[in-house]
Amino acid sequence: MLKKIVVTGGEGRFSKELKKINSKYKFIFRNKKQFNILSLKSIEKNLKKFKPDAVLHLAGLSRPMSLHNKNIIKSIDLNIIGTANLVKVCSKKKIKIIFISTSYVYPGIMGNYKESDPLLPWNNYGWSKLGAESSVQMYKNHLIIRACMTERPFVHKFAFSDVKTNFIFHDQFIKIFIKLLKFKGIINLGGKRQSIYNFAKIYKKNIKRKKTKGELPRKMDMNLSKYKMLVNE
């Protein structure tokens, strides 16, 4: 039974929202100086000190997306090697690992992707997250959440009308996420399947409509039936 969870990347966007909620879980937030995922010694030290039931792995490199092309060494280190290091120690200590992945691991061609569908990332960020997933999946005591979320408020001046996703704001995402922590395996998690423009215009009336010219695949949306079944939605 999960009670105490150590969180890597404890000063990131998702962690800041997680700190705001009341939960039955005790989260211990550690920043990159306190918990260095590139150091096996640092990982061992933290897990020995806090003796958690699970590690929620949020540390890594996300944006800007262009950085994963410009500096693949940093992308590989922080997203793939750092995650693999964490899996090594968690597996040795029999501690559950909860990993936040991304909808970007899917090809973005057909849409309505289920957890069991073939994977083919369409950019380097997606590849780095799939590399991380590979190590996590080698250890049976895991939960992988393939997420599609964004910050509130919607920060962009335009939104794609021909790109379908499952955007949901961080604060809404967390309320569902908390209900899933007790499970294992892979779970897609996000909001309603719709165009980015239709999502954004609800919250930002003056948002400008735009069509993709290859910036994003057109059908990035995931099938969310598994999570809804698990939480009885």
Protein backbone atom coordinates (compact mmCIF):
# COMPACT_ATOMS: atom_id res chain seq x y z
CA MET A 1 0.00 0.00 0.00
CA LEU A 2 1.36 3.37 -1.02
CA LYS A 3 1.75 6.03 1.66
CA LYS A 4 5.07 7.84 1.22
CA ILE A 5 6.19 8.98 -2.24
CA VAL A 6 9.45 10.74 -3.09
CA VAL A 7 9.09 13.15 -6.02
CA THR A 8 11.99 13.96 -8.34
CA GLY A 9 11.89 17.31 -10.12
CA GLY A 10 10.24 18.81 -7.06
CA GLU A 11 10.40 22.40 -8.31
CA GLY A 12 8.89 21.80 -11.76
CA ARG A 13 5.51 22.94 -13.09
CA PHE A 14 3.72 19.70 -12.24
CA SER A 15 5.20 19.54 -8.73
CA LYS A 16 4.03 23.08 -8.00
CA GLU A 17 0.45 22.07 -8.77
CA LEU A 18 0.79 18.80 -6.85
CA LYS A 19 1.85 20.72 -3.73
CA LYS A 20 -1.48 22.57 -3.73
CA ILE A 21 -3.73 19.55 -3.28
CA ASN A 22 -4.76 17.60 -0.21
CA SER A 23 -4.00 13.93 -0.56
CA LYS A 24 -3.83 10.73 1.47
CA TYR A 25 -0.28 10.33 0.19
CA LYS A 26 2.74 11.96 1.79
CA PHE A 27 4.77 13.52 -1.01
CA ILE A 28 8.42 14.36 -0.37
CA PHE A 29 9.56 16.87 -2.99
CA ARG A 30 13.24 16.90 -3.95
CA ASN A 31 14.82 19.34 -6.38
CA LYS A 32 17.63 18.53 -8.80
CA LYS A 33 20.34 19.53 -6.32
CA GLN A 34 18.88 17.37 -3.56
CA PHE A 35 18.11 14.41 -5.84
CA ASN A 36 20.47 14.10 -8.80
CA ILE A 37 19.13 11.43 -11.16
CA LEU A 38 22.49 11.26 -12.95
CA SER A 39 24.17 10.10 -9.73
CA LEU A 40 23.49 6.58 -8.47
CA LYS A 41 24.98 7.68 -5.14
CA SER A 42 22.46 10.54 -4.83
CA ILE A 43 19.56 8.23 -5.70
CA GLU A 44 20.71 5.61 -3.17
CA LYS A 45 21.14 8.28 -0.49
CA ASN A 46 17.62 9.70 -0.95
CA LEU A 47 15.87 6.34 -0.99
CA LYS A 48 17.80 5.15 2.04
CA LYS A 49 16.97 8.37 3.92
CA PHE A 50 13.24 8.58 3.16
CA LYS A 51 12.39 4.88 2.67
CA PRO A 52 9.49 5.64 0.28
CA ASP A 53 6.88 3.20 -0.99
CA ALA A 54 7.24 4.75 -4.46
CA VAL A 55 9.15 7.32 -6.47
CA LEU A 56 7.18 9.71 -8.65
CA HIS A 57 9.66 10.58 -11.38
CA LEU A 58 9.05 14.08 -12.75
CA ALA A 59 12.64 15.23 -13.28
CA GLY A 60 13.85 15.54 -16.85
CA LEU A 61 13.99 17.79 -19.89
CA SER A 62 10.82 18.89 -21.64
CA ARG A 63 10.71 22.37 -23.17
CA PRO A 64 11.72 24.01 -25.36
CA MET A 65 11.18 21.09 -27.72
CA SER A 66 13.94 22.40 -30.00
CA LEU A 67 16.50 21.67 -27.28
CA HIS A 68 16.06 17.94 -27.87
CA ASN A 69 17.40 18.51 -31.39
CA LYS A 70 20.06 21.06 -30.50
CA ASN A 71 21.47 19.16 -27.53
CA ILE A 72 20.72 15.45 -27.82
CA ILE A 73 23.35 14.67 -25.15
CA LYS A 74 21.40 16.64 -22.56
CA SER A 75 18.13 15.06 -23.73
CA ILE A 76 19.59 11.55 -23.50
CA ASP A 77 21.22 12.19 -20.11
CA LEU A 78 18.23 13.75 -18.37
CA ASN A 79 15.40 11.74 -19.90
CA ILE A 80 16.90 8.34 -20.69
CA ILE A 81 20.00 7.75 -18.57
CA GLY A 82 18.59 9.52 -15.50
CA THR A 83 15.43 7.42 -15.65
CA ALA A 84 17.41 4.22 -16.18
CA ASN A 85 19.52 5.06 -13.12
CA LEU A 86 16.39 5.48 -11.06
CA VAL A 87 14.99 2.16 -12.27
CA LYS A 88 18.24 0.40 -11.32
CA VAL A 89 18.02 1.57 -7.71
CA CYS A 90 14.23 1.20 -7.37
CA SER A 91 14.36 -2.36 -8.69
CA LYS A 92 17.12 -3.25 -6.25
CA LYS A 93 15.17 -1.82 -3.33
CA LYS A 94 11.79 -3.07 -4.61
CA ILE A 95 10.31 0.43 -4.68
CA LYS A 96 7.53 1.24 -7.13
CA ILE A 97 8.36 3.77 -9.84
CA ILE A 98 5.68 6.10 -11.22
CA PHE A 99 6.76 7.73 -14.46
CA ILE A 100 5.11 10.58 -16.35
CA SER A 101 5.53 9.92 -20.08
CA THR A 102 3.80 11.66 -22.98
CA SER A 103 1.33 11.23 -25.80
CA TYR A 104 4.24 12.15 -28.10
CA VAL A 105 5.36 8.50 -28.08
CA TYR A 106 2.46 7.74 -30.46
CA PRO A 107 2.87 8.39 -34.22
CA GLY A 108 0.14 11.05 -34.46
CA ILE A 109 -1.20 9.62 -37.74
CA MET A 110 -4.32 7.60 -36.89
CA GLY A 111 -5.43 9.08 -33.55
CA ASN A 112 -7.49 7.47 -30.78
CA TYR A 113 -4.37 5.60 -29.60
CA LYS A 114 -4.76 2.85 -27.02
CA GLU A 115 -2.00 1.91 -24.59
CA SER A 116 -1.37 -1.29 -26.55
CA ASP A 117 -0.97 0.41 -29.95
CA PRO A 118 2.42 0.52 -31.72
CA LEU A 119 4.68 3.42 -30.79
CA LEU A 120 6.64 5.66 -33.14
CA PRO A 121 7.62 9.07 -31.73
CA TRP A 122 7.57 11.92 -34.23
CA ASN A 123 10.21 14.13 -32.56
CA ASN A 124 13.28 13.79 -30.36
CA TYR A 125 11.37 14.64 -27.20
CA GLY A 126 9.09 11.68 -27.86
CA TRP A 127 12.08 9.44 -28.51
CA SER A 128 13.72 10.51 -25.25
CA LYS A 129 10.54 9.68 -23.32
CA LEU A 130 10.18 6.34 -25.09
CA GLY A 131 13.79 5.58 -24.20
CA ALA A 132 12.94 6.28 -20.59
CA GLU A 133 9.79 4.15 -20.82
CA SER A 134 11.85 1.22 -22.08
CA SER A 135 13.87 1.03 -18.89
CA VAL A 136 10.81 1.55 -16.68
CA GLN A 137 8.94 -1.28 -18.40
CA MET A 138 11.79 -3.70 -17.69
CA TYR A 139 10.88 -3.39 -13.98
CA LYS A 140 7.45 -4.88 -13.27
CA ASN A 141 6.61 -2.66 -10.29
CA HIS A 142 5.80 0.43 -12.34
CA LEU A 143 3.09 2.82 -13.40
CA ILE A 144 3.56 4.77 -16.63
CA ILE A 145 1.19 7.65 -17.32
CA ARG A 146 1.17 8.81 -20.94
CA ALA A 147 0.06 12.37 -20.39
CA CYS A 148 -1.34 15.22 -22.44
CA MET A 149 -1.54 18.36 -20.29
CA THR A 150 -0.75 22.06 -20.36
CA GLU A 151 -0.51 25.05 -18.03
CA ARG A 152 -3.38 27.27 -17.02
CA PRO A 153 -3.95 29.80 -18.52
CA PHE A 154 -3.39 28.81 -22.15
CA VAL A 155 -0.32 30.87 -22.97
CA HIS A 156 -0.23 30.84 -26.77
CA LYS A 157 -1.67 33.51 -29.07
CA PHE A 158 -2.90 30.96 -31.61
CA ALA A 159 -4.08 27.34 -31.59
CA PHE A 160 -4.20 24.68 -34.29
CA SER A 161 -7.70 23.93 -35.55
CA ASP A 162 -6.64 20.80 -37.42
CA VAL A 163 -4.63 19.10 -34.65
CA LYS A 164 -6.55 16.83 -32.30
CA THR A 165 -5.17 16.16 -28.78
CA ASN A 166 -6.36 15.47 -25.23
CA PHE A 167 -5.28 18.74 -23.64
CA ILE A 168 -6.20 19.23 -20.01
CA PHE A 169 -4.86 21.74 -17.49
CA HIS A 170 -2.39 20.59 -14.84
CA ASP A 171 -4.76 21.22 -11.94
CA GLN A 172 -7.53 19.14 -13.57
CA PHE A 173 -5.07 16.42 -14.56
CA ILE A 174 -3.79 15.98 -11.00
CA LYS A 175 -7.25 15.26 -9.60
CA ILE A 176 -7.50 12.21 -11.86
CA PHE A 177 -3.82 11.30 -11.57
CA ILE A 178 -4.05 10.87 -7.79
CA LYS A 179 -6.74 8.22 -8.24
CA LEU A 180 -4.46 6.15 -10.46
CA LEU A 181 -1.35 5.90 -8.27
CA LYS A 182 -2.33 2.54 -6.80
CA PHE A 183 -2.39 0.87 -10.23
CA LYS A 184 0.40 -0.62 -12.33
CA GLY A 185 1.06 -0.75 -16.05
CA ILE A 186 0.52 1.93 -18.70
CA ILE A 187 -2.38 4.39 -18.66
CA ASN A 188 -3.26 7.19 -21.10
CA LEU A 189 -4.41 10.31 -19.30
CA GLY A 190 -5.70 13.62 -20.60
CA GLY A 191 -8.88 15.47 -21.40
CA LYS A 192 -11.58 15.34 -24.05
CA ARG A 193 -10.45 14.43 -27.57
CA GLN A 194 -10.75 17.66 -29.58
CA SER A 195 -8.76 20.15 -31.61
CA ILE A 196 -6.34 22.38 -29.75
CA TYR A 197 -8.32 25.39 -30.98
CA ASN A 198 -11.61 24.08 -29.57
CA PHE A 199 -9.91 23.45 -26.24
CA ALA A 200 -8.22 26.85 -26.11
CA LYS A 201 -11.17 29.02 -27.20
CA ILE A 202 -13.18 27.96 -24.13
CA TYR A 203 -10.62 29.68 -21.91
CA LYS A 204 -9.25 32.33 -24.24
CA LYS A 205 -11.94 33.95 -26.38
CA ASN A 206 -9.52 35.96 -28.55
CA ILE A 207 -7.36 32.99 -29.50
CA LYS A 208 -6.37 32.95 -33.17
CA ARG A 209 -7.01 29.92 -35.34
CA LYS A 210 -4.14 28.36 -37.27
CA LYS A 211 -3.49 25.21 -39.31
CA THR A 212 -0.39 23.09 -38.85
CA LYS A 213 2.32 23.09 -41.49
CA GLY A 214 4.13 20.15 -39.96
CA GLU A 215 4.76 21.63 -36.52
CA LEU A 216 2.53 18.92 -35.01
CA PRO A 217 0.92 15.73 -36.37
CA ARG A 218 -2.81 16.12 -36.94
CA LYS A 219 -4.09 13.16 -34.90
CA MET A 220 -2.29 13.07 -31.57
CA ASP A 221 -5.33 12.11 -29.52
CA MET A 222 -5.38 9.09 -27.20
CA ASN A 223 -8.12 6.67 -26.20
CA LEU A 224 -8.88 7.25 -22.51
CA SER A 225 -11.25 4.33 -21.89
CA LYS A 226 -8.77 2.48 -19.65
CA TYR A 227 -8.37 5.23 -17.07
CA LYS A 228 -12.13 5.89 -17.07
CA MET A 229 -12.80 2.23 -16.36
CA LEU A 230 -10.25 2.21 -13.51
CA VAL A 231 -11.71 5.26 -11.76
CA ASN A 232 -15.33 4.49 -12.71
CA GLU A 233 -15.90 7.61 -14.78
